[in-house]
């Protein structure tokens, strides 16, 4: 399956899903492209774009996002957690939009602080008539720091918050790093699941 076919297969089957779980092994050839496609459900200049990144820099994904569209998002927000915090300053202020703002969370198990930062972005952008798109990378990293039940409760509130403001959010997870119970518990929180396995893509919606 080439990149164009993958994009059409994913975006054509999501329907009105507000939250999407992207299941992909780490370093999958198609994960980055699929992430960029999910971040561009419409033209970039009609969007607010928010990245939440654990342990790795969102710089590369921001550049990929910009390469997919001739226009920049209206606003860009970046929340870097743990090691990713070191690159947040390099990402912000690089032409991502008039409101390119970076935040850092120094404790990766601080879900209260993370939730507050995300809510602040949603409130800041509320009423600007632009749709908010979100990339959360990744739940596999988050689950290294908190128990499954804690993560479930956090995500239940967070996905509901995104849906309430009309945001479109996708979350990365490596299914090979977790047991079946953990994966299915997380899957139950989302409107749709996109699963990548080599060149094969499976899209499941409620």
N, C-alpha and C. Protein backbone atom coordinates (compact mmCIF):
# COMPACT_ATOMS: atom_id res chain seq x y z
N UNK A 1 0.86 -1.19 0.00
CA UNK A 1 0.00 0.00 0.00
C UNK A 1 0.89 1.23 0.00
N UNK A 2 0.68 2.14 -0.96
CA UNK A 2 1.49 3.35 -0.97
C UNK A 2 0.89 4.39 -0.03
N UNK A 3 1.63 5.52 0.12
CA UNK A 3 1.23 6.53 1.09
C UNK A 3 -0.13 7.11 0.78
N UNK A 4 -0.43 7.36 -0.51
CA UNK A 4 -1.72 7.94 -0.89
C UNK A 4 -2.86 6.99 -0.56
N UNK A 5 -2.65 5.70 -0.87
CA UNK A 5 -3.69 4.70 -0.59
C UNK A 5 -3.94 4.61 0.91
N UNK A 6 -2.86 4.66 1.70
CA UNK A 6 -2.99 4.58 3.15
C UNK A 6 -3.81 5.75 3.67
N UNK A 7 -3.50 6.96 3.17
CA UNK A 7 -4.22 8.15 3.59
C UNK A 7 -5.71 8.03 3.29
N UNK A 8 -6.04 7.60 2.06
CA UNK A 8 -7.44 7.49 1.68
C UNK A 8 -8.15 6.44 2.52
N UNK A 9 -7.46 5.32 2.80
CA UNK A 9 -8.07 4.24 3.56
C UNK A 9 -8.40 4.70 4.97
N UNK A 10 -7.52 5.49 5.59
CA UNK A 10 -7.72 5.94 6.95
C UNK A 10 -8.79 7.03 7.02
N UNK A 11 -8.58 8.11 6.29
CA UNK A 11 -9.47 9.26 6.43
C UNK A 11 -10.87 8.97 5.91
N UNK A 12 -10.99 8.04 4.99
CA UNK A 12 -12.30 7.74 4.43
C UNK A 12 -13.18 6.89 5.32
N UNK A 13 -12.61 6.31 6.39
CA UNK A 13 -13.38 5.39 7.23
C UNK A 13 -13.63 5.90 8.65
N UNK A 14 -13.13 7.07 8.98
CA UNK A 14 -13.26 7.55 10.35
C UNK A 14 -14.62 8.16 10.66
N UNK A 15 -15.35 8.57 9.62
CA UNK A 15 -16.67 9.14 9.85
C UNK A 15 -16.60 10.37 10.73
N UNK A 16 -17.47 10.41 11.75
CA UNK A 16 -17.51 11.58 12.64
C UNK A 16 -16.77 11.32 13.95
N UNK A 17 -15.80 10.40 13.95
CA UNK A 17 -15.02 10.11 15.14
C UNK A 17 -14.30 11.37 15.63
N UNK A 18 -14.36 11.61 16.94
CA UNK A 18 -13.67 12.75 17.54
C UNK A 18 -12.34 12.35 18.15
N UNK A 19 -12.24 11.08 18.58
CA UNK A 19 -11.00 10.58 19.19
C UNK A 19 -10.60 9.28 18.52
N UNK A 20 -9.32 9.17 18.20
CA UNK A 20 -8.81 8.02 17.44
C UNK A 20 -7.57 7.48 18.14
N UNK A 21 -7.50 6.16 18.27
CA UNK A 21 -6.31 5.49 18.79
C UNK A 21 -5.52 4.94 17.62
N UNK A 22 -4.28 5.38 17.47
CA UNK A 22 -3.40 4.90 16.41
C UNK A 22 -2.50 3.81 16.98
N UNK A 23 -2.79 2.57 16.65
CA UNK A 23 -2.01 1.42 17.11
C UNK A 23 -0.95 1.10 16.07
N UNK A 24 0.30 1.25 16.45
CA UNK A 24 1.39 1.00 15.50
C UNK A 24 2.64 0.62 16.25
N UNK A 25 3.34 -0.43 15.80
CA UNK A 25 4.63 -0.75 16.42
C UNK A 25 5.58 0.43 16.29
N UNK A 26 6.47 0.57 17.24
CA UNK A 26 7.45 1.65 17.19
C UNK A 26 8.28 1.54 15.90
N UNK A 27 8.57 2.69 15.33
CA UNK A 27 9.39 2.79 14.11
C UNK A 27 8.70 2.20 12.88
N UNK A 28 7.38 2.12 12.90
CA UNK A 28 6.65 1.69 11.71
C UNK A 28 6.89 2.67 10.58
N UNK A 29 7.00 2.15 9.36
CA UNK A 29 7.25 3.00 8.19
C UNK A 29 6.12 3.98 7.96
N UNK A 30 4.89 3.61 8.35
CA UNK A 30 3.72 4.42 8.01
C UNK A 30 3.19 5.25 9.18
N UNK A 31 3.75 5.07 10.36
CA UNK A 31 3.19 5.76 11.52
C UNK A 31 3.24 7.28 11.36
N UNK A 32 4.40 7.81 10.95
CA UNK A 32 4.53 9.25 10.81
C UNK A 32 3.60 9.83 9.78
N UNK A 33 3.47 9.13 8.63
CA UNK A 33 2.58 9.62 7.58
C UNK A 33 1.13 9.60 8.03
N UNK A 34 0.73 8.54 8.73
CA UNK A 34 -0.65 8.44 9.20
C UNK A 34 -0.93 9.51 10.25
N UNK A 35 0.04 9.76 11.12
CA UNK A 35 -0.11 10.81 12.11
C UNK A 35 -0.34 12.16 11.43
N UNK A 36 0.47 12.46 10.42
CA UNK A 36 0.32 13.73 9.70
C UNK A 36 -1.04 13.83 9.02
N UNK A 37 -1.51 12.72 8.46
CA UNK A 37 -2.83 12.72 7.81
C UNK A 37 -3.93 13.00 8.83
N UNK A 38 -3.83 12.40 10.02
CA UNK A 38 -4.84 12.62 11.05
C UNK A 38 -4.82 14.05 11.56
N UNK A 39 -3.67 14.70 11.47
CA UNK A 39 -3.57 16.09 11.90
C UNK A 39 -4.04 17.07 10.84
N UNK A 40 -4.37 16.57 9.66
CA UNK A 40 -4.83 17.45 8.59
C UNK A 40 -6.17 17.01 8.04
N UNK A 41 -7.22 16.93 8.89
CA UNK A 41 -8.55 16.60 8.36
C UNK A 41 -9.10 17.72 7.49
N UNK A 42 -8.50 18.91 7.57
CA UNK A 42 -8.89 20.03 6.72
C UNK A 42 -7.66 20.92 6.58
N UNK A 43 -7.79 22.02 5.86
CA UNK A 43 -6.64 22.89 5.62
C UNK A 43 -6.06 23.40 6.93
N UNK A 44 -4.72 23.47 6.99
CA UNK A 44 -4.04 23.82 8.22
C UNK A 44 -4.41 25.20 8.74
N UNK A 45 -4.65 26.15 7.83
CA UNK A 45 -4.91 27.51 8.30
C UNK A 45 -6.27 27.65 8.96
N UNK A 46 -7.08 26.59 8.93
CA UNK A 46 -8.36 26.61 9.63
C UNK A 46 -8.31 25.84 10.93
N UNK A 47 -7.10 25.57 11.46
CA UNK A 47 -6.95 24.69 12.60
C UNK A 47 -6.07 25.31 13.69
N UNK A 48 -6.32 24.86 14.92
CA UNK A 48 -5.37 24.99 16.02
C UNK A 48 -4.73 23.61 16.19
N UNK A 49 -3.42 23.54 16.26
CA UNK A 49 -2.72 22.25 16.35
C UNK A 49 -2.01 22.14 17.69
N UNK A 50 -2.29 21.04 18.42
CA UNK A 50 -1.67 20.81 19.72
C UNK A 50 -0.95 19.47 19.72
N UNK A 51 0.32 19.49 20.11
CA UNK A 51 1.10 18.26 20.27
C UNK A 51 1.39 18.02 21.75
N UNK A 52 1.17 16.79 22.19
CA UNK A 52 1.59 16.37 23.52
C UNK A 52 2.60 15.24 23.32
N UNK A 53 3.82 15.43 23.78
CA UNK A 53 4.88 14.47 23.46
C UNK A 53 5.61 14.01 24.71
N UNK A 54 5.62 12.69 24.92
CA UNK A 54 6.39 12.07 25.99
C UNK A 54 7.74 11.61 25.43
N UNK A 55 8.81 11.92 26.14
CA UNK A 55 10.16 11.36 25.95
C UNK A 55 10.83 11.67 24.62
N UNK A 56 10.14 12.15 23.63
CA UNK A 56 10.81 12.51 22.39
C UNK A 56 10.29 13.83 21.85
N UNK A 57 11.12 14.46 21.07
CA UNK A 57 10.79 15.79 20.58
C UNK A 57 9.68 15.73 19.54
N UNK A 58 8.74 16.68 19.59
CA UNK A 58 7.72 16.77 18.54
C UNK A 58 8.20 17.53 17.32
N UNK A 59 9.47 17.96 17.31
CA UNK A 59 9.97 18.79 16.21
C UNK A 59 9.74 18.14 14.84
N UNK A 60 10.11 16.87 14.74
CA UNK A 60 10.01 16.19 13.45
C UNK A 60 8.58 16.13 12.95
N UNK A 61 7.64 15.84 13.86
CA UNK A 61 6.24 15.77 13.45
C UNK A 61 5.70 17.14 13.07
N UNK A 62 6.14 18.18 13.75
CA UNK A 62 5.73 19.54 13.37
C UNK A 62 6.19 19.85 11.96
N UNK A 63 7.42 19.49 11.65
CA UNK A 63 7.94 19.74 10.29
C UNK A 63 7.16 18.94 9.26
N UNK A 64 6.83 17.68 9.59
CA UNK A 64 6.06 16.86 8.66
C UNK A 64 4.68 17.46 8.42
N UNK A 65 4.07 17.96 9.50
CA UNK A 65 2.76 18.62 9.40
C UNK A 65 2.84 19.80 8.43
N UNK A 66 3.87 20.63 8.61
CA UNK A 66 4.01 21.80 7.75
C UNK A 66 4.25 21.41 6.30
N UNK A 67 4.97 20.28 6.08
CA UNK A 67 5.25 19.84 4.72
C UNK A 67 4.00 19.37 4.00
N UNK A 68 2.95 19.00 4.75
CA UNK A 68 1.72 18.50 4.14
C UNK A 68 0.78 19.62 3.70
N UNK A 69 1.03 20.85 4.14
CA UNK A 69 0.12 21.93 3.84
C UNK A 69 0.90 23.18 3.46
N UNK A 70 0.39 23.92 2.50
CA UNK A 70 1.03 25.16 2.07
C UNK A 70 0.82 26.27 3.09
N UNK A 71 -0.14 26.10 3.98
CA UNK A 71 -0.44 27.12 4.99
C UNK A 71 -0.13 26.59 6.38
N UNK A 72 0.15 27.52 7.30
CA UNK A 72 0.45 27.15 8.68
C UNK A 72 -0.83 27.12 9.49
N UNK A 73 -0.87 26.31 10.57
CA UNK A 73 -2.02 26.34 11.47
C UNK A 73 -2.23 27.73 12.04
N UNK A 74 -3.45 28.03 12.41
CA UNK A 74 -3.73 29.34 13.01
C UNK A 74 -2.94 29.50 14.31
N UNK A 75 -2.96 28.47 15.14
CA UNK A 75 -2.22 28.46 16.40
C UNK A 75 -1.55 27.11 16.59
N UNK A 76 -0.40 27.11 17.24
CA UNK A 76 0.34 25.89 17.52
C UNK A 76 0.65 25.84 19.01
N UNK A 77 0.38 24.70 19.64
CA UNK A 77 0.73 24.49 21.03
C UNK A 77 1.52 23.20 21.18
N UNK A 78 2.50 23.20 22.07
CA UNK A 78 3.34 22.03 22.28
C UNK A 78 3.51 21.80 23.77
N UNK A 79 3.15 20.62 24.23
CA UNK A 79 3.37 20.24 25.62
C UNK A 79 4.38 19.10 25.61
N UNK A 80 5.56 19.35 26.13
CA UNK A 80 6.63 18.36 26.15
C UNK A 80 6.78 17.80 27.55
N UNK A 81 6.87 16.48 27.63
CA UNK A 81 6.94 15.80 28.93
C UNK A 81 8.29 15.11 29.07
N UNK A 82 8.93 15.30 30.23
CA UNK A 82 10.18 14.64 30.55
C UNK A 82 11.27 15.04 29.56
N UNK A 83 11.93 14.07 28.91
CA UNK A 83 13.06 14.36 28.05
C UNK A 83 12.69 15.28 26.89
N UNK A 84 11.44 15.20 26.44
CA UNK A 84 11.03 16.03 25.31
C UNK A 84 11.08 17.51 25.66
N UNK A 85 11.06 17.83 26.96
CA UNK A 85 11.06 19.22 27.38
C UNK A 85 12.30 19.95 26.90
N UNK A 86 13.38 19.22 26.69
CA UNK A 86 14.62 19.87 26.32
C UNK A 86 14.58 20.46 24.92
N UNK A 87 13.66 19.97 24.07
CA UNK A 87 13.60 20.47 22.71
C UNK A 87 12.42 21.39 22.47
N UNK A 88 11.62 21.66 23.50
CA UNK A 88 10.42 22.47 23.31
C UNK A 88 10.77 23.87 22.83
N UNK A 89 11.82 24.45 23.39
CA UNK A 89 12.19 25.81 23.01
C UNK A 89 12.61 25.88 21.56
N UNK A 90 13.20 24.80 21.04
CA UNK A 90 13.64 24.79 19.65
C UNK A 90 12.47 24.72 18.70
N UNK A 91 11.34 24.17 19.18
CA UNK A 91 10.19 23.99 18.31
C UNK A 91 9.33 25.23 18.25
N UNK A 92 9.17 25.90 19.36
CA UNK A 92 8.28 27.05 19.41
C UNK A 92 8.95 28.26 18.79
N UNK A 93 8.11 29.19 18.35
CA UNK A 93 8.63 30.42 17.78
C UNK A 93 9.28 30.23 16.44
N UNK A 94 8.92 29.18 15.69
CA UNK A 94 9.55 28.91 14.40
C UNK A 94 8.57 29.08 13.26
N UNK A 95 7.64 29.99 13.41
CA UNK A 95 6.73 30.26 12.31
C UNK A 95 5.52 29.37 12.27
N UNK A 96 5.18 28.69 13.38
CA UNK A 96 4.06 27.79 13.38
C UNK A 96 2.72 28.49 13.45
N UNK A 97 2.70 29.78 13.62
CA UNK A 97 1.45 30.50 13.72
C UNK A 97 1.60 31.62 14.71
N UNK A 98 0.59 32.48 14.83
CA UNK A 98 0.69 33.62 15.72
C UNK A 98 0.70 33.25 17.19
N UNK A 99 0.31 32.04 17.51
CA UNK A 99 0.24 31.62 18.92
C UNK A 99 1.01 30.32 19.08
N UNK A 100 2.31 30.34 18.78
CA UNK A 100 3.15 29.16 18.94
C UNK A 100 3.72 29.16 20.34
N UNK A 101 3.13 28.36 21.23
CA UNK A 101 3.46 28.40 22.65
C UNK A 101 3.86 27.01 23.12
N UNK A 102 4.95 26.93 23.89
CA UNK A 102 5.39 25.66 24.42
C UNK A 102 5.26 25.59 25.92
N UNK A 103 4.88 24.43 26.42
CA UNK A 103 4.78 24.17 27.85
C UNK A 103 5.58 22.91 28.16
N UNK A 104 6.07 22.80 29.39
CA UNK A 104 6.79 21.60 29.78
C UNK A 104 6.21 21.00 31.05
N UNK A 105 6.23 19.66 31.11
CA UNK A 105 5.85 18.91 32.31
C UNK A 105 7.08 18.11 32.71
N UNK A 106 7.67 18.44 33.85
CA UNK A 106 8.92 17.80 34.22
C UNK A 106 8.73 16.44 34.88
N UNK A 107 7.52 16.17 35.38
CA UNK A 107 7.25 14.86 36.00
C UNK A 107 6.29 14.09 35.11
N UNK A 108 6.73 13.01 34.47
CA UNK A 108 5.88 12.30 33.53
C UNK A 108 4.66 11.61 34.14
N UNK A 109 4.64 11.49 35.46
CA UNK A 109 3.46 10.91 36.12
C UNK A 109 2.50 11.98 36.64
N UNK A 110 2.76 13.23 36.31
CA UNK A 110 1.92 14.33 36.77
C UNK A 110 0.75 14.54 35.80
N UNK A 111 -0.24 13.67 35.88
CA UNK A 111 -1.37 13.75 34.97
C UNK A 111 -2.26 14.94 35.29
N UNK A 112 -2.29 15.35 36.55
CA UNK A 112 -3.07 16.54 36.90
C UNK A 112 -2.49 17.76 36.21
N UNK A 113 -1.17 17.93 36.30
CA UNK A 113 -0.53 19.05 35.63
C UNK A 113 -0.69 19.00 34.13
N UNK A 114 -0.58 17.80 33.55
CA UNK A 114 -0.75 17.65 32.11
C UNK A 114 -2.16 18.02 31.69
N UNK A 115 -3.15 17.54 32.43
CA UNK A 115 -4.53 17.87 32.11
C UNK A 115 -4.80 19.36 32.17
N UNK A 116 -4.19 20.03 33.16
CA UNK A 116 -4.35 21.49 33.29
C UNK A 116 -3.77 22.20 32.08
N UNK A 117 -2.57 21.79 31.66
CA UNK A 117 -1.94 22.43 30.50
C UNK A 117 -2.78 22.25 29.24
N UNK A 118 -3.30 21.04 29.04
CA UNK A 118 -4.12 20.80 27.85
C UNK A 118 -5.38 21.65 27.89
N UNK A 119 -6.01 21.71 29.06
CA UNK A 119 -7.24 22.50 29.21
C UNK A 119 -6.97 23.98 28.96
N UNK A 120 -5.81 24.45 29.37
CA UNK A 120 -5.46 25.85 29.14
C UNK A 120 -5.42 26.18 27.65
N UNK A 121 -4.86 25.27 26.86
CA UNK A 121 -4.84 25.48 25.40
C UNK A 121 -6.26 25.51 24.84
N UNK A 122 -7.08 24.56 25.27
CA UNK A 122 -8.45 24.50 24.77
C UNK A 122 -9.22 25.78 25.10
N UNK A 123 -9.02 26.29 26.31
CA UNK A 123 -9.69 27.52 26.71
C UNK A 123 -9.15 28.71 25.93
N UNK A 124 -7.83 28.73 25.72
CA UNK A 124 -7.20 29.84 25.01
C UNK A 124 -7.73 29.95 23.59
N UNK A 125 -8.00 28.80 22.99
CA UNK A 125 -8.43 28.79 21.59
C UNK A 125 -9.95 28.79 21.43
N UNK A 126 -10.66 28.64 22.52
CA UNK A 126 -12.12 28.57 22.46
C UNK A 126 -12.69 29.86 21.85
N UNK A 127 -13.56 29.70 20.89
CA UNK A 127 -14.22 30.85 20.30
C UNK A 127 -13.50 31.49 19.14
N UNK A 128 -12.34 30.91 18.72
CA UNK A 128 -11.66 31.51 17.57
C UNK A 128 -12.10 30.93 16.23
N UNK A 129 -13.12 30.06 16.29
CA UNK A 129 -13.76 29.50 15.10
C UNK A 129 -12.86 28.55 14.32
N UNK A 130 -11.71 28.20 14.86
CA UNK A 130 -10.83 27.22 14.22
C UNK A 130 -10.95 25.88 14.95
N UNK A 131 -10.95 24.80 14.21
CA UNK A 131 -11.02 23.49 14.83
C UNK A 131 -9.67 23.13 15.45
N UNK A 132 -9.70 22.48 16.60
CA UNK A 132 -8.48 22.04 17.26
C UNK A 132 -8.19 20.59 16.93
N UNK A 133 -6.97 20.32 16.49
CA UNK A 133 -6.52 18.95 16.24
C UNK A 133 -5.37 18.65 17.20
N UNK A 134 -5.34 17.41 17.69
CA UNK A 134 -4.40 17.06 18.76
C UNK A 134 -3.67 15.76 18.41
N UNK A 135 -2.38 15.74 18.69
CA UNK A 135 -1.59 14.51 18.63
C UNK A 135 -1.01 14.24 20.01
N UNK A 136 -1.28 13.06 20.58
CA UNK A 136 -0.75 12.65 21.88
C UNK A 136 0.19 11.47 21.64
N UNK A 137 1.48 11.67 21.86
CA UNK A 137 2.49 10.67 21.55
C UNK A 137 3.40 10.47 22.76
N UNK A 138 3.26 9.42 23.54
CA UNK A 138 2.36 8.31 23.24
C UNK A 138 1.81 7.73 24.54
N UNK A 139 0.77 6.92 24.41
CA UNK A 139 0.19 6.25 25.58
C UNK A 139 1.11 5.16 26.09
N UNK A 140 1.90 4.58 25.21
CA UNK A 140 2.87 3.57 25.63
C UNK A 140 3.87 4.18 26.61
N UNK A 141 4.32 5.39 26.31
CA UNK A 141 5.24 6.07 27.22
C UNK A 141 4.53 6.44 28.52
N UNK A 142 3.32 6.96 28.43
CA UNK A 142 2.57 7.34 29.63
C UNK A 142 2.41 6.15 30.58
N UNK A 143 2.13 4.98 30.01
CA UNK A 143 1.89 3.79 30.83
C UNK A 143 3.16 3.24 31.48
N UNK A 144 4.30 3.79 31.14
CA UNK A 144 5.51 3.43 31.85
C UNK A 144 5.58 4.12 33.22
N UNK A 145 4.77 5.15 33.40
CA UNK A 145 4.86 5.97 34.61
C UNK A 145 3.64 5.86 35.52
N UNK A 146 2.50 5.42 34.98
CA UNK A 146 1.29 5.33 35.80
C UNK A 146 0.61 3.98 35.57
N UNK A 147 -0.20 3.59 36.54
CA UNK A 147 -0.94 2.34 36.42
C UNK A 147 -2.05 2.46 35.37
N UNK A 148 -2.47 1.32 34.84
CA UNK A 148 -3.50 1.30 33.80
C UNK A 148 -4.78 2.00 34.27
N UNK A 149 -5.22 1.72 35.49
CA UNK A 149 -6.45 2.33 35.99
C UNK A 149 -6.35 3.85 36.06
N UNK A 150 -5.19 4.34 36.48
CA UNK A 150 -4.97 5.79 36.54
C UNK A 150 -5.00 6.39 35.15
N UNK A 151 -4.32 5.73 34.21
CA UNK A 151 -4.31 6.22 32.84
C UNK A 151 -5.71 6.20 32.24
N UNK A 152 -6.47 5.14 32.52
CA UNK A 152 -7.82 5.03 32.00
C UNK A 152 -8.69 6.19 32.48
N UNK A 153 -8.63 6.47 33.77
CA UNK A 153 -9.44 7.57 34.32
C UNK A 153 -9.05 8.91 33.70
N UNK A 154 -7.76 9.14 33.55
CA UNK A 154 -7.27 10.38 32.94
C UNK A 154 -7.76 10.50 31.50
N UNK A 155 -7.63 9.43 30.74
CA UNK A 155 -8.01 9.47 29.33
C UNK A 155 -9.53 9.57 29.16
N UNK A 156 -10.27 8.96 30.07
CA UNK A 156 -11.73 9.07 30.00
C UNK A 156 -12.16 10.53 30.10
N UNK A 157 -11.57 11.26 31.03
CA UNK A 157 -11.88 12.68 31.18
C UNK A 157 -11.37 13.47 29.99
N UNK A 158 -10.14 13.17 29.56
CA UNK A 158 -9.52 13.95 28.49
C UNK A 158 -10.24 13.78 27.15
N UNK A 159 -10.58 12.55 26.79
CA UNK A 159 -11.28 12.35 25.52
C UNK A 159 -12.65 13.00 25.54
N UNK A 160 -13.31 12.97 26.70
CA UNK A 160 -14.59 13.66 26.82
C UNK A 160 -14.44 15.16 26.66
N UNK A 161 -13.36 15.70 27.19
CA UNK A 161 -13.10 17.14 27.08
C UNK A 161 -12.87 17.53 25.62
N UNK A 162 -12.11 16.71 24.89
CA UNK A 162 -11.89 17.00 23.47
C UNK A 162 -13.20 16.97 22.69
N UNK A 163 -14.01 15.94 22.95
CA UNK A 163 -15.28 15.83 22.24
C UNK A 163 -16.19 17.01 22.56
N UNK A 164 -16.16 17.49 23.79
CA UNK A 164 -17.04 18.58 24.21
C UNK A 164 -16.75 19.89 23.48
N UNK A 165 -15.48 20.10 23.09
CA UNK A 165 -15.12 21.34 22.40
C UNK A 165 -15.00 21.16 20.89
N UNK A 166 -15.37 19.96 20.39
CA UNK A 166 -15.33 19.72 18.95
C UNK A 166 -13.95 19.50 18.40
N UNK A 167 -13.00 19.11 19.26
CA UNK A 167 -11.64 18.84 18.81
C UNK A 167 -11.57 17.45 18.16
N UNK A 168 -10.53 17.26 17.34
CA UNK A 168 -10.25 15.95 16.75
C UNK A 168 -8.88 15.53 17.26
N UNK A 169 -8.82 14.43 18.03
CA UNK A 169 -7.57 14.04 18.69
C UNK A 169 -7.22 12.59 18.36
N UNK A 170 -5.93 12.36 18.12
CA UNK A 170 -5.47 10.98 17.98
C UNK A 170 -4.31 10.73 18.94
N UNK A 171 -4.24 9.48 19.41
CA UNK A 171 -3.28 9.06 20.43
C UNK A 171 -2.48 7.88 19.91
N UNK A 172 -1.18 7.93 20.03
CA UNK A 172 -0.31 6.84 19.60
C UNK A 172 -0.19 5.78 20.70
N UNK A 173 -0.07 4.52 20.27
CA UNK A 173 0.19 3.43 21.21
C UNK A 173 0.83 2.27 20.44
N UNK A 174 1.86 1.65 21.04
CA UNK A 174 2.52 0.49 20.45
C UNK A 174 1.89 -0.76 21.05
N UNK A 175 1.05 -1.49 20.31
CA UNK A 175 0.36 -2.65 20.88
C UNK A 175 1.31 -3.79 21.25
N UNK A 176 2.50 -3.83 20.65
CA UNK A 176 3.44 -4.91 20.95
C UNK A 176 4.10 -4.73 22.31
N UNK A 177 3.94 -3.55 22.91
CA UNK A 177 4.56 -3.27 24.21
C UNK A 177 3.64 -3.57 25.38
N UNK A 178 2.41 -4.03 25.10
CA UNK A 178 1.41 -4.22 26.16
C UNK A 178 0.71 -5.57 26.00
N UNK A 179 0.13 -6.05 27.09
CA UNK A 179 -0.67 -7.27 27.00
C UNK A 179 -2.05 -6.92 26.41
N UNK A 180 -2.77 -7.97 26.03
CA UNK A 180 -4.06 -7.78 25.35
C UNK A 180 -5.06 -7.02 26.23
N UNK A 181 -5.07 -7.30 27.52
CA UNK A 181 -6.00 -6.62 28.42
C UNK A 181 -5.76 -5.12 28.42
N UNK A 182 -4.51 -4.72 28.48
CA UNK A 182 -4.19 -3.29 28.49
C UNK A 182 -4.63 -2.63 27.20
N UNK A 183 -4.34 -3.27 26.08
CA UNK A 183 -4.70 -2.69 24.78
C UNK A 183 -6.22 -2.56 24.67
N UNK A 184 -6.95 -3.60 25.01
CA UNK A 184 -8.41 -3.56 24.87
C UNK A 184 -9.04 -2.56 25.84
N UNK A 185 -8.46 -2.41 27.01
CA UNK A 185 -8.97 -1.41 27.96
C UNK A 185 -8.83 -0.01 27.37
N UNK A 186 -7.68 0.29 26.79
CA UNK A 186 -7.46 1.61 26.18
C UNK A 186 -8.33 1.78 24.93
N UNK A 187 -8.44 0.75 24.13
CA UNK A 187 -9.26 0.82 22.90
C UNK A 187 -10.69 1.24 23.22
N UNK A 188 -11.23 0.77 24.35
CA UNK A 188 -12.63 1.03 24.69
C UNK A 188 -12.93 2.51 24.89
N UNK A 189 -11.90 3.33 25.03
CA UNK A 189 -12.09 4.75 25.28
C UNK A 189 -12.31 5.56 24.01
N UNK A 190 -12.03 5.00 22.85
CA UNK A 190 -11.94 5.79 21.63
C UNK A 190 -13.09 5.53 20.65
N UNK A 191 -13.39 6.56 19.85
CA UNK A 191 -14.44 6.44 18.85
C UNK A 191 -14.01 5.53 17.70
N UNK A 192 -12.71 5.53 17.40
CA UNK A 192 -12.20 4.74 16.29
C UNK A 192 -10.77 4.31 16.59
N UNK A 193 -10.36 3.22 15.95
CA UNK A 193 -9.01 2.69 16.10
C UNK A 193 -8.41 2.50 14.72
N UNK A 194 -7.21 3.01 14.51
CA UNK A 194 -6.47 2.77 13.27
C UNK A 194 -5.27 1.91 13.65
N UNK A 195 -5.20 0.70 13.07
CA UNK A 195 -4.12 -0.23 13.41
C UNK A 195 -3.24 -0.47 12.19
N UNK A 196 -1.94 -0.24 12.35
CA UNK A 196 -0.97 -0.45 11.28
C UNK A 196 -0.18 -1.71 11.56
N UNK A 197 -0.06 -2.54 10.54
CA UNK A 197 0.72 -3.77 10.63
C UNK A 197 1.44 -3.95 9.31
N UNK A 198 2.68 -3.49 9.26
CA UNK A 198 3.40 -3.49 7.99
C UNK A 198 2.71 -2.56 7.01
N UNK A 199 2.35 -3.09 5.84
CA UNK A 199 1.64 -2.30 4.84
C UNK A 199 0.12 -2.39 5.00
N UNK A 200 -0.34 -3.16 5.97
CA UNK A 200 -1.77 -3.33 6.16
C UNK A 200 -2.31 -2.30 7.16
N UNK A 201 -3.51 -1.81 6.90
CA UNK A 201 -4.15 -0.87 7.81
C UNK A 201 -5.57 -1.35 8.07
N UNK A 202 -5.96 -1.32 9.34
CA UNK A 202 -7.31 -1.69 9.74
C UNK A 202 -7.93 -0.52 10.48
N UNK A 203 -9.13 -0.15 10.11
CA UNK A 203 -9.84 0.95 10.75
C UNK A 203 -11.10 0.39 11.38
N UNK A 204 -11.27 0.59 12.68
CA UNK A 204 -12.46 0.14 13.39
C UNK A 204 -13.15 1.34 14.03
N UNK A 205 -14.44 1.45 13.84
CA UNK A 205 -15.21 2.54 14.46
C UNK A 205 -16.34 1.94 15.27
N UNK A 206 -16.81 2.71 16.26
CA UNK A 206 -17.95 2.27 17.05
C UNK A 206 -19.21 2.31 16.22
